[in-house]
Amino acid sequence: MKSPEQVKIDGAILRCQHCDHDKFLCRESLLNTEGLTFFSLDWLNKTAKNFICAKCGFVMWFVRDEEPEETREVVECFSCGSSIPIGQTICPECGWTYKGE
């Protein structure tokens, strides 16, 4: 996000906990650990999304170990376990489809 925008998290519009504003700037921050920093491997650390209120500057952090299903780019084939890109209904590996014949 380059200019402040409304943000939805799990279908709900995000509002600032401090001033109740609904427009945010977005950035990502590394969640540094001592071990990886010691070995100069900070790039291996997880990241968090930061939403910064455009009105008061309050920062909210969001960390997810797993993306919600609707934001994933692939789904797993029920037949062979291969990846099927979102929007496709036929497995590129085995031809299985979850679309009714």
PDB file of N, CA and C in Angstrom:
ATOM      1  N   MET A   1       0.842  -1.184   0.000  1.00  0.00           N
ATOM      2  CA  MET A   1       0.000   0.000   0.000  1.00  0.00           C
ATOM      3  C   MET A   1       0.879   1.236   0.000  1.00  0.00           C
ATOM      4  N   LYS A   2       0.680   2.103  -0.937  1.00  0.00           N
ATOM      5  CA  LYS A   2       1.446   3.334  -0.989  1.00  0.00           C
ATOM      6  C   LYS A   2       0.704   4.481  -0.311  1.00  0.00           C
ATOM      7  N   SER A   3      -0.598   4.510  -0.432  1.00  0.00           N
ATOM      8  CA  SER A   3      -1.392   5.518   0.260  1.00  0.00           C
ATOM      9  C   SER A   3      -2.320   4.798   1.231  1.00  0.00           C
ATOM     10  N   PRO A   4      -2.786   5.493   2.273  1.00  0.00           N
ATOM     11  CA  PRO A   4      -3.640   4.827   3.268  1.00  0.00           C
ATOM     12  C   PRO A   4      -4.895   4.234   2.623  1.00  0.00           C
ATOM     13  N   GLU A   5      -5.215   3.008   3.029  1.00  0.00           N
ATOM     14  CA  GLU A   5      -6.381   2.299   2.504  1.00  0.00           C
ATOM     15  C   GLU A   5      -7.084   1.552   3.622  1.00  0.00           C
ATOM     16  N   GLN A   6      -8.344   1.166   3.348  1.00  0.00           N
ATOM     17  CA  GLN A   6      -9.048   0.270   4.258  1.00  0.00           C
ATOM     18  C   GLN A   6      -8.441  -1.118   4.118  1.00  0.00           C
ATOM     19  N   VAL A   7      -8.438  -1.853   5.204  1.00  0.00           N
ATOM     20  CA  VAL A   7      -7.864  -3.191   5.234  1.00  0.00           C
ATOM     21  C   VAL A   7      -8.909  -4.143   5.793  1.00  0.00           C
ATOM     22  N   LYS A   8      -9.031  -5.331   5.172  1.00  0.00           N
ATOM     23  CA  LYS A   8      -9.907  -6.372   5.708  1.00  0.00           C
ATOM     24  C   LYS A   8      -9.046  -7.518   6.212  1.00  0.00           C
ATOM     25  N   ILE A   9      -9.329  -7.968   7.416  1.00  0.00           N
ATOM     26  CA  ILE A   9      -8.675  -9.131   8.004  1.00  0.00           C
ATOM     27  C   ILE A   9      -9.774 -10.138   8.306  1.00  0.00           C
ATOM     28  N   ASP A  10      -9.707 -11.286   7.662  1.00  0.00           N
ATOM     29  CA  ASP A  10     -10.729 -12.329   7.818  1.00  0.00           C
ATOM     30  C   ASP A  10     -12.133 -11.779   7.598  1.00  0.00           C
ATOM     31  N   GLY A  11     -12.292 -10.902   6.610  1.00  0.00           N
ATOM     32  CA  GLY A  11     -13.602 -10.388   6.231  1.00  0.00           C
ATOM     33  C   GLY A  11     -14.088  -9.186   7.021  1.00  0.00           C
ATOM     34  N   ALA A  12     -13.352  -8.777   8.055  1.00  0.00           N
ATOM     35  CA  ALA A  12     -13.771  -7.634   8.872  1.00  0.00           C
ATOM     36  C   ALA A  12     -12.873  -6.436   8.576  1.00  0.00           C
ATOM     37  N   ILE A  13     -13.477  -5.254   8.456  1.00  0.00           N
ATOM     38  CA  ILE A  13     -12.706  -4.037   8.220  1.00  0.00           C
ATOM     39  C   ILE A  13     -11.918  -3.709   9.482  1.00  0.00           C
ATOM     40  N   LEU A  14     -10.619  -3.510   9.313  1.00  0.00           N
ATOM     41  CA  LEU A  14      -9.744  -3.181  10.429  1.00  0.00           C
ATOM     42  C   LEU A  14      -9.976  -1.744  10.873  1.00  0.00           C
ATOM     43  N   ARG A  15     -10.051  -1.540  12.189  1.00  0.00           N
ATOM     44  CA  ARG A  15     -10.199  -0.202  12.761  1.00  0.00           C
ATOM     45  C   ARG A  15      -9.108  -0.025  13.806  1.00  0.00           C
ATOM     46  N   CYS A  16      -8.573   1.175  13.888  1.00  0.00           N
ATOM     47  CA  CYS A  16      -7.522   1.473  14.854  1.00  0.00           C
ATOM     48  C   CYS A  16      -8.047   1.287  16.279  1.00  0.00           C
ATOM     49  N   GLN A  17      -7.280   0.603  17.103  1.00  0.00           N
ATOM     50  CA  GLN A  17      -7.663   0.372  18.498  1.00  0.00           C
ATOM     51  C   GLN A  17      -7.583   1.641  19.330  1.00  0.00           C
ATOM     52  N   HIS A  18      -6.821   2.607  18.853  1.00  0.00           N
ATOM     53  CA  HIS A  18      -6.642   3.839  19.614  1.00  0.00           C
ATOM     54  C   HIS A  18      -7.660   4.918  19.239  1.00  0.00           C
ATOM     55  N   CYS A  19      -7.798   5.206  17.921  1.00  0.00           N
ATOM     56  CA  CYS A  19      -8.644   6.336  17.504  1.00  0.00           C
ATOM     57  C   CYS A  19      -9.839   5.933  16.637  1.00  0.00           C
ATOM     58  N   ASP A  20      -9.995   4.639  16.342  1.00  0.00           N
ATOM     59  CA  ASP A  20     -11.114   4.097  15.569  1.00  0.00           C
ATOM     60  C   ASP A  20     -11.085   4.483  14.092  1.00  0.00           C
ATOM     61  N   HIS A  21      -9.955   4.998  13.592  1.00  0.00           N
ATOM     62  CA  HIS A  21      -9.818   5.334  12.174  1.00  0.00           C
ATOM     63  C   HIS A  21      -9.769   4.040  11.362  1.00  0.00           C
ATOM     64  N   ASP A  22     -10.110   4.109  10.070  1.00  0.00           N
ATOM     65  CA  ASP A  22     -10.157   2.886   9.265  1.00  0.00           C
ATOM     66  C   ASP A  22      -9.249   2.915   8.036  1.00  0.00           C
ATOM     67  N   LYS A  23      -8.230   3.772   8.007  1.00  0.00           N
ATOM     68  CA  LYS A  23      -7.290   3.809   6.885  1.00  0.00           C
ATOM     69  C   LYS A  23      -5.873   3.575   7.426  1.00  0.00           C
ATOM     70  N   PHE A  24      -5.131   2.713   6.725  1.00  0.00           N
ATOM     71  CA  PHE A  24      -3.824   2.283   7.202  1.00  0.00           C
ATOM     72  C   PHE A  24      -2.789   2.255   6.090  1.00  0.00           C
ATOM     73  N   LEU A  25      -1.537   2.443   6.485  1.00  0.00           N
ATOM     74  CA  LEU A  25      -0.382   2.156   5.643  1.00  0.00           C
ATOM     75  C   LEU A  25       0.087   0.763   6.034  1.00  0.00           C
ATOM     76  N   CYS A  26       0.700   0.041   5.106  1.00  0.00           N
ATOM     77  CA  CYS A  26       1.111  -1.334   5.383  1.00  0.00           C
ATOM     78  C   CYS A  26       2.602  -1.492   5.149  1.00  0.00           C
ATOM     79  N   ARG A  27       3.239  -2.318   5.992  1.00  0.00           N
ATOM     80  CA  ARG A  27       4.634  -2.691   5.788  1.00  0.00           C
ATOM     81  C   ARG A  27       4.856  -4.044   6.433  1.00  0.00           C
ATOM     82  N   GLU A  28       5.985  -4.668   6.137  1.00  0.00           N
ATOM     83  CA  GLU A  28       6.348  -5.931   6.771  1.00  0.00           C
ATOM     84  C   GLU A  28       7.585  -5.723   7.620  1.00  0.00           C
ATOM     85  N   SER A  29       7.653  -6.429   8.736  1.00  0.00           N
ATOM     86  CA  SER A  29       8.808  -6.362   9.626  1.00  0.00           C
ATOM     87  C   SER A  29       9.303  -7.770   9.915  1.00  0.00           C
ATOM     88  N   LEU A  30      10.618  -7.904  10.033  1.00  0.00           N
ATOM     89  CA  LEU A  30      11.201  -9.183  10.409  1.00  0.00           C
ATOM     90  C   LEU A  30      11.027  -9.412  11.901  1.00  0.00           C
ATOM     91  N   LEU A  31      10.734 -10.643  12.269  1.00  0.00           N
ATOM     92  CA  LEU A  31      10.660 -11.038  13.676  1.00  0.00           C
ATOM     93  C   LEU A  31      11.993 -11.705  14.011  1.00  0.00           C
ATOM     94  N   ASN A  32      12.992 -10.888  14.290  1.00  0.00           N
ATOM     95  CA  ASN A  32      14.355 -11.378  14.492  1.00  0.00           C
ATOM     96  C   ASN A  32      14.469 -12.294  15.695  1.00  0.00           C
ATOM     97  N   THR A  33      15.337 -13.298  15.547  1.00  0.00           N
ATOM     98  CA  THR A  33      15.681 -14.184  16.649  1.00  0.00           C
ATOM     99  C   THR A  33      17.182 -14.058  16.908  1.00  0.00           C
ATOM    100  N   GLU A  34      17.589 -14.259  18.141  1.00  0.00           N
ATOM    101  CA  GLU A  34      19.004 -14.108  18.493  1.00  0.00           C
ATOM    102  C   GLU A  34      19.895 -15.059  17.702  1.00  0.00           C
ATOM    103  N   GLY A  35      19.450 -16.307  17.551  1.00  0.00           N
ATOM    104  CA  GLY A  35      20.275 -17.310  16.862  1.00  0.00           C
ATOM    105  C   GLY A  35      20.538 -16.957  15.411  1.00  0.00           C
ATOM    106  N   LEU A  36      19.479 -16.637  14.666  1.00  0.00           N
ATOM    107  CA  LEU A  36      19.666 -16.319  13.255  1.00  0.00           C
ATOM    108  C   LEU A  36      20.402 -15.004  13.069  1.00  0.00           C
ATOM    109  N   THR A  37      20.186 -14.042  13.960  1.00  0.00           N
ATOM    110  CA  THR A  37      20.911 -12.777  13.881  1.00  0.00           C
ATOM    111  C   THR A  37      22.402 -13.010  14.156  1.00  0.00           C
ATOM    112  N   PHE A  38      22.718 -13.865  15.129  1.00  0.00           N
ATOM    113  CA  PHE A  38      24.120 -14.168  15.453  1.00  0.00           C
ATOM    114  C   PHE A  38      24.860 -14.702  14.226  1.00  0.00           C
ATOM    115  N   PHE A  39      24.182 -15.538  13.438  1.00  0.00           N
ATOM    116  CA  PHE A  39      24.805 -16.128  12.251  1.00  0.00           C
ATOM    117  C   PHE A  39      24.549 -15.309  10.980  1.00  0.00           C
ATOM    118  N   SER A  40      24.054 -14.078  11.130  1.00  0.00           N
ATOM    119  CA  SER A  40      23.746 -13.179   9.993  1.00  0.00           C
ATOM    120  C   SER A  40      22.769 -13.823   9.012  1.00  0.00           C
ATOM    121  N   LEU A  41      21.775 -14.531   9.548  1.00  0.00           N
ATOM    122  CA  LEU A  41      20.767 -15.187   8.724  1.00  0.00           C
ATOM    123  C   LEU A  41      19.382 -14.584   8.987  1.00  0.00           C
ATOM    124  N   ASP A  42      19.331 -13.274   9.217  1.00  0.00           N
ATOM    125  CA  ASP A  42      18.060 -12.620   9.531  1.00  0.00           C
ATOM    126  C   ASP A  42      16.998 -12.854   8.465  1.00  0.00           C
ATOM    127  N   TRP A  43      17.419 -13.028   7.227  1.00  0.00           N
ATOM    128  CA  TRP A  43      16.461 -13.218   6.142  1.00  0.00           C
ATOM    129  C   TRP A  43      15.650 -14.503   6.305  1.00  0.00           C
ATOM    130  N   LEU A  44      16.088 -15.412   7.163  1.00  0.00           N
ATOM    131  CA  LEU A  44      15.341 -16.650   7.409  1.00  0.00           C
ATOM    132  C   LEU A  44      14.232 -16.486   8.452  1.00  0.00           C
ATOM    133  N   ASN A  45      14.243 -15.360   9.167  1.00  0.00           N
ATOM    134  CA  ASN A  45      13.216 -15.129  10.186  1.00  0.00           C
ATOM    135  C   ASN A  45      11.845 -14.931   9.558  1.00  0.00           C
ATOM    136  N   LYS A  46      10.813 -15.221  10.337  1.00  0.00           N
ATOM    137  CA  LYS A  46       9.440 -14.971   9.899  1.00  0.00           C
ATOM    138  C   LYS A  46       9.197 -13.474   9.831  1.00  0.00           C
ATOM    139  N   THR A  47       8.135 -13.093   9.109  1.00  0.00           N
ATOM    140  CA  THR A  47       7.767 -11.686   9.028  1.00  0.00           C
ATOM    141  C   THR A  47       6.378 -11.479   9.623  1.00  0.00           C
ATOM    142  N   ALA A  48       6.100 -10.224   9.938  1.00  0.00           N
ATOM    143  CA  ALA A  48       4.774  -9.831  10.415  1.00  0.00           C
ATOM    144  C   ALA A  48       4.312  -8.667   9.557  1.00  0.00           C
ATOM    145  N   LYS A  49       3.006  -8.608   9.319  1.00  0.00           N
ATOM    146  CA  LYS A  49       2.436  -7.449   8.629  1.00  0.00           C
ATOM    147  C   LYS A  49       2.137  -6.386   9.661  1.00  0.00           C
ATOM    148  N   ASN A  50       2.521  -5.161   9.343  1.00  0.00           N
ATOM    149  CA  ASN A  50       2.237  -4.023  10.213  1.00  0.00           C
ATOM    150  C   ASN A  50       1.259  -3.115   9.508  1.00  0.00           C
ATOM    151  N   PHE A  51       0.190  -2.743  10.198  1.00  0.00           N
ATOM    152  CA  PHE A  51      -0.756  -1.768   9.681  1.00  0.00           C
ATOM    153  C   PHE A  51      -0.647  -0.532  10.562  1.00  0.00           C
ATOM    154  N   ILE A  52      -0.298   0.591   9.949  1.00  0.00           N
ATOM    155  CA  ILE A  52      -0.041   1.832  10.667  1.00  0.00           C
ATOM    156  C   ILE A  52      -1.199   2.790  10.416  1.00  0.00           C
ATOM    157  N   CYS A  53      -1.871   3.182  11.473  1.00  0.00           N
ATOM    158  CA  CYS A  53      -3.019   4.070  11.355  1.00  0.00           C
ATOM    159  C   CYS A  53      -2.584   5.379  10.703  1.00  0.00           C
ATOM    160  N   ALA A  54      -3.316   5.794   9.666  1.00  0.00           N
ATOM    161  CA  ALA A  54      -2.987   7.020   8.942  1.00  0.00           C
ATOM    162  C   ALA A  54      -3.325   8.268   9.747  1.00  0.00           C
ATOM    163  N   LYS A  55      -4.130   8.120  10.796  1.00  0.00           N
ATOM    164  CA  LYS A  55      -4.533   9.282  11.596  1.00  0.00           C
ATOM    165  C   LYS A  55      -3.617   9.494  12.804  1.00  0.00           C
ATOM    166  N   CYS A  56      -3.404   8.436  13.611  1.00  0.00           N
ATOM    167  CA  CYS A  56      -2.656   8.625  14.862  1.00  0.00           C
ATOM    168  C   CYS A  56      -1.304   7.921  14.885  1.00  0.00           C
ATOM    169  N   GLY A  57      -1.038   7.013  13.930  1.00  0.00           N
ATOM    170  CA  GLY A  57       0.245   6.327  13.884  1.00  0.00           C
ATOM    171  C   GLY A  57       0.326   5.048  14.690  1.00  0.00           C
ATOM    172  N   PHE A  58      -0.771   4.633  15.329  1.00  0.00           N
ATOM    173  CA  PHE A  58      -0.782   3.389  16.098  1.00  0.00           C
ATOM    174  C   PHE A  58      -0.456   2.220  15.158  1.00  0.00           C
ATOM    175  N   VAL A  59       0.401   1.292  15.598  1.00  0.00           N
ATOM    176  CA  VAL A  59       0.822   0.168  14.762  1.00  0.00           C
ATOM    177  C   VAL A  59       0.203  -1.120  15.282  1.00  0.00           C
ATOM    178  N   MET A  60      -0.423  -1.875  14.369  1.00  0.00           N
ATOM    179  CA  MET A  60      -0.957  -3.193  14.701  1.00  0.00           C
ATOM    180  C   MET A  60      -0.145  -4.240  13.943  1.00  0.00           C
ATOM    181  N   TRP A  61       0.226  -5.295  14.643  1.00  0.00           N
ATOM    182  CA  TRP A  61       1.031  -6.375  14.071  1.00  0.00           C
ATOM    183  C   TRP A  61       0.155  -7.607  13.873  1.00  0.00           C
ATOM    184  N   PHE A  62       0.309  -8.271  12.726  1.00  0.00           N
ATOM    185  CA  PHE A  62      -0.414  -9.508  12.444  1.00  0.00           C
ATOM    186  C   PHE A  62       0.587 -10.559  11.992  1.00  0.00           C
ATOM    187  N   VAL A  63       0.548 -11.713  12.676  1.00  0.00           N
ATOM    188  CA  VAL A  63       1.444 -12.815  12.353  1.00  0.00           C
ATOM    189  C   VAL A  63       0.590 -14.053  12.153  1.00  0.00           C
ATOM    190  N   ARG A  64       0.819 -14.741  11.045  1.00  0.00           N
ATOM    191  CA  ARG A  64       0.098 -15.993  10.771  1.00  0.00           C
ATOM    192  C   ARG A  64       1.101 -17.064  10.401  1.00  0.00           C
ATOM    193  N   ASP A  65       0.967 -18.233  11.020  1.00  0.00           N
ATOM    194  CA  ASP A  65       1.816 -19.352  10.628  1.00  0.00           C
ATOM    195  C   ASP A  65       1.342 -19.945   9.313  1.00  0.00           C
ATOM    196  N   GLU A  66       0.044 -19.842   9.052  1.00  0.00           N
ATOM    197  CA  GLU A  66      -0.526 -20.407   7.834  1.00  0.00           C
ATOM    198  C   GLU A  66      -1.501 -19.409   7.243  1.00  0.00           C
ATOM    199  N   GLU A  67      -1.452 -19.274   5.918  1.00  0.00           N
ATOM    200  CA  GLU A  67      -2.373 -18.359   5.254  1.00  0.00           C
ATOM    201  C   GLU A  67      -3.790 -18.913   5.309  1.00  0.00           C
ATOM    202  N   PRO A  68      -4.810 -18.047   5.378  1.00  0.00           N
ATOM    203  CA  PRO A  68      -6.181 -18.535   5.287  1.00  0.00           C
ATOM    204  C   PRO A  68      -6.384 -19.220   3.941  1.00  0.00           C
ATOM    205  N   GLU A  69      -7.252 -20.215   3.915  1.00  0.00           N
ATOM    206  CA  GLU A  69      -7.440 -21.014   2.708  1.00  0.00           C
ATOM    207  C   GLU A  69      -7.787 -20.173   1.491  1.00  0.00           C
ATOM    208  N   GLU A  70      -8.598 -19.108   1.664  1.00  0.00           N
ATOM    209  CA  GLU A  70      -9.007 -18.324   0.502  1.00  0.00           C
ATOM    210  C   GLU A  70      -7.883 -17.506  -0.115  1.00  0.00           C
ATOM    211  N   THR A  71      -6.732 -17.357   0.570  1.00  0.00           N
ATOM    212  CA  THR A  71      -5.616 -16.609  -0.001  1.00  0.00           C
ATOM    213  C   THR A  71      -4.519 -17.519  -0.543  1.00  0.00           C
ATOM    214  N   ARG A  72      -4.658 -18.825  -0.389  1.00  0.00           N
ATOM    215  CA  ARG A  72      -3.662 -19.740  -0.914  1.00  0.00           C
ATOM    216  C   ARG A  72      -3.715 -19.753  -2.432  1.00  0.00           C
ATOM    217  N   GLU A  73      -2.573 -20.019  -3.049  1.00  0.00           N
ATOM    218  CA  GLU A  73      -2.491 -20.034  -4.498  1.00  0.00           C
ATOM    219  C   GLU A  73      -2.745 -21.417  -5.081  1.00  0.00           C
ATOM    220  N   VAL A  74      -2.707 -22.455  -4.263  1.00  0.00           N
ATOM    221  CA  VAL A  74      -2.938 -23.815  -4.741  1.00  0.00           C
ATOM    222  C   VAL A  74      -3.779 -24.587  -3.735  1.00  0.00           C
ATOM    223  N   VAL A  75      -4.430 -25.641  -4.207  1.00  0.00           N
ATOM    224  CA  VAL A  75      -5.123 -26.583  -3.336  1.00  0.00           C
ATOM    225  C   VAL A  75      -4.555 -27.967  -3.615  1.00  0.00           C
ATOM    226  N   GLU A  76      -4.744 -28.878  -2.685  1.00  0.00           N
ATOM    227  CA  GLU A  76      -4.210 -30.219  -2.837  1.00  0.00           C
ATOM    228  C   GLU A  76      -5.224 -31.124  -3.529  1.00  0.00           C
ATOM    229  N   CYS A  77      -4.761 -31.903  -4.502  1.00  0.00           N
ATOM    230  CA  CYS A  77      -5.605 -32.872  -5.213  1.00  0.00           C
ATOM    231  C   CYS A  77      -6.026 -33.963  -4.239  1.00  0.00           C
ATOM    232  N   PHE A  78      -7.323 -34.276  -4.198  1.00  0.00           N
ATOM    233  CA  PHE A  78      -7.824 -35.305  -3.291  1.00  0.00           C
ATOM    234  C   PHE A  78      -7.415 -36.701  -3.737  1.00  0.00           C
ATOM    235  N   SER A  79      -7.043 -36.859  -5.004  1.00  0.00           N
ATOM    236  CA  SER A  79      -6.684 -38.165  -5.527  1.00  0.00           C
ATOM    237  C   SER A  79      -5.204 -38.490  -5.362  1.00  0.00           C
ATOM    238  N   CYS A  80      -4.314 -37.589  -5.853  1.00  0.00           N
ATOM    239  CA  CYS A  80      -2.882 -37.898  -5.837  1.00  0.00           C
ATOM    240  C   CYS A  80      -2.056 -37.009  -4.911  1.00  0.00           C
ATOM    241  N   GLY A  81      -2.659 -35.934  -4.374  1.00  0.00           N
ATOM    242  CA  GLY A  81      -1.942 -35.056  -3.463  1.00  0.00           C
ATOM    243  C   GLY A  81      -1.133 -33.959  -4.122  1.00  0.00           C
ATOM    244  N   SER A  82      -1.142 -33.887  -5.452  1.00  0.00           N
ATOM    245  CA  SER A  82      -0.415 -32.827  -6.161  1.00  0.00           C
ATOM    246  C   SER A  82      -1.107 -31.486  -5.972  1.00  0.00           C
ATOM    247  N   SER A  83      -0.439 -30.408  -6.360  1.00  0.00           N
ATOM    248  CA  SER A  83      -0.988 -29.069  -6.227  1.00  0.00           C
ATOM    249  C   SER A  83      -1.835 -28.691  -7.440  1.00  0.00           C
ATOM    250  N   ILE A  84      -3.040 -28.174  -7.163  1.00  0.00           N
ATOM    251  CA  ILE A  84      -3.930 -27.655  -8.205  1.00  0.00           C
ATOM    252  C   ILE A  84      -4.025 -26.153  -7.989  1.00  0.00           C
ATOM    253  N   PRO A  85      -3.609 -25.335  -8.963  1.00  0.00           N
ATOM    254  CA  PRO A  85      -3.704 -23.879  -8.792  1.00  0.00           C
ATOM    255  C   PRO A  85      -5.144 -23.440  -8.547  1.00  0.00           C
ATOM    256  N   ILE A  86      -5.317 -22.420  -7.688  1.00  0.00           N
ATOM    257  CA  ILE A  86      -6.646 -21.869  -7.416  1.00  0.00           C
ATOM    258  C   ILE A  86      -7.269 -21.422  -8.730  1.00  0.00           C
ATOM    259  N   GLY A  87      -8.543 -21.693  -8.899  1.00  0.00           N
ATOM    260  CA  GLY A  87      -9.252 -21.319 -10.119  1.00  0.00           C
ATOM    261  C   GLY A  87      -9.326 -22.454 -11.120  1.00  0.00           C
ATOM    262  N   GLN A  88      -8.476 -23.482 -10.962  1.00  0.00           N
ATOM    263  CA  GLN A  88      -8.537 -24.643 -11.840  1.00  0.00           C
ATOM    264  C   GLN A  88      -9.266 -25.774 -11.112  1.00  0.00           C
ATOM    265  N   THR A  89      -9.944 -26.616 -11.889  1.00  0.00           N
ATOM    266  CA  THR A  89     -10.708 -27.701 -11.285  1.00  0.00           C
ATOM    267  C   THR A  89     -10.156 -29.077 -11.627  1.00  0.00           C
ATOM    268  N   ILE A  90      -9.118 -29.123 -12.472  1.00  0.00           N
ATOM    269  CA  ILE A  90      -8.548 -30.403 -12.902  1.00  0.00           C
ATOM    270  C   ILE A  90      -7.098 -30.487 -12.448  1.00  0.00           C
ATOM    271  N   CYS A  91      -6.722 -31.615 -11.840  1.00  0.00           N
ATOM    272  CA  CYS A  91      -5.348 -31.827 -11.402  1.00  0.00           C
ATOM    273  C   CYS A  91      -4.437 -31.962 -12.620  1.00  0.00           C
ATOM    274  N   PRO A  92      -3.364 -31.184 -12.693  1.00  0.00           N
ATOM    275  CA  PRO A  92      -2.462 -31.278 -13.832  1.00  0.00           C
ATOM    276  C   PRO A  92      -1.662 -32.575 -13.858  1.00  0.00           C
ATOM    277  N   GLU A  93      -1.603 -33.311 -12.730  1.00  0.00           N
ATOM    278  CA  GLU A  93      -0.828 -34.549 -12.663  1.00  0.00           C
ATOM    279  C   GLU A  93      -1.650 -35.783 -13.041  1.00  0.00           C
ATOM    280  N   CYS A  94      -2.838 -35.934 -12.407  1.00  0.00           N
ATOM    281  CA  CYS A  94      -3.585 -37.188 -12.613  1.00  0.00           C
ATOM    282  C   CYS A  94      -4.906 -36.985 -13.374  1.00  0.00           C
ATOM    283  N   GLY A  95      -5.316 -35.740 -13.587  1.00  0.00           N
ATOM    284  CA  GLY A  95      -6.553 -35.484 -14.315  1.00  0.00           C
ATOM    285  C   GLY A  95      -7.816 -35.533 -13.481  1.00  0.00           C
ATOM    286  N   TRP A  96      -7.680 -35.809 -12.185  1.00  0.00           N
ATOM    287  CA  TRP A  96      -8.849 -35.851 -11.298  1.00  0.00           C
ATOM    288  C   TRP A  96      -9.497 -34.480 -11.280  1.00  0.00           C
ATOM    289  N   THR A  97     -10.832 -34.445 -11.142  1.00  0.00           N
ATOM    290  CA  THR A  97     -11.536 -33.165 -11.072  1.00  0.00           C
ATOM    291  C   THR A  97     -12.563 -33.204  -9.968  1.00  0.00           C
ATOM    292  N   TYR A  98     -12.768 -32.077  -9.309  1.00  0.00           N
ATOM    293  CA  TYR A  98     -13.817 -31.999  -8.292  1.00  0.00           C
ATOM    294  C   TYR A  98     -15.078 -31.372  -8.862  1.00  0.00           C
ATOM    295  N   LYS A  99     -15.087 -31.150 -10.153  1.00  0.00           N
ATOM    296  CA  LYS A  99     -16.269 -30.645 -10.840  1.00  0.00           C
ATOM    297  C   LYS A  99     -17.117 -31.851 -11.255  1.00  0.00           C
ATOM    298  N   GLY A 100     -18.395 -31.803 -10.987  1.00  0.00           N
ATOM    299  CA  GLY A 100     -19.274 -32.917 -11.348  1.00  0.00           C
ATOM    300  C   GLY A 100     -19.333 -33.130 -12.851  1.00  0.00           C
ATOM    301  N   GLU A 101     -19.409 -34.388 -13.258  1.00  0.00           N
ATOM    302  CA  GLU A 101     -19.474 -34.731 -14.698  1.00  0.00           C
ATOM    303  C   GLU A 101     -20.865 -34.523 -15.217  1.00  0.00           C
TER     304      GLU A 101
END
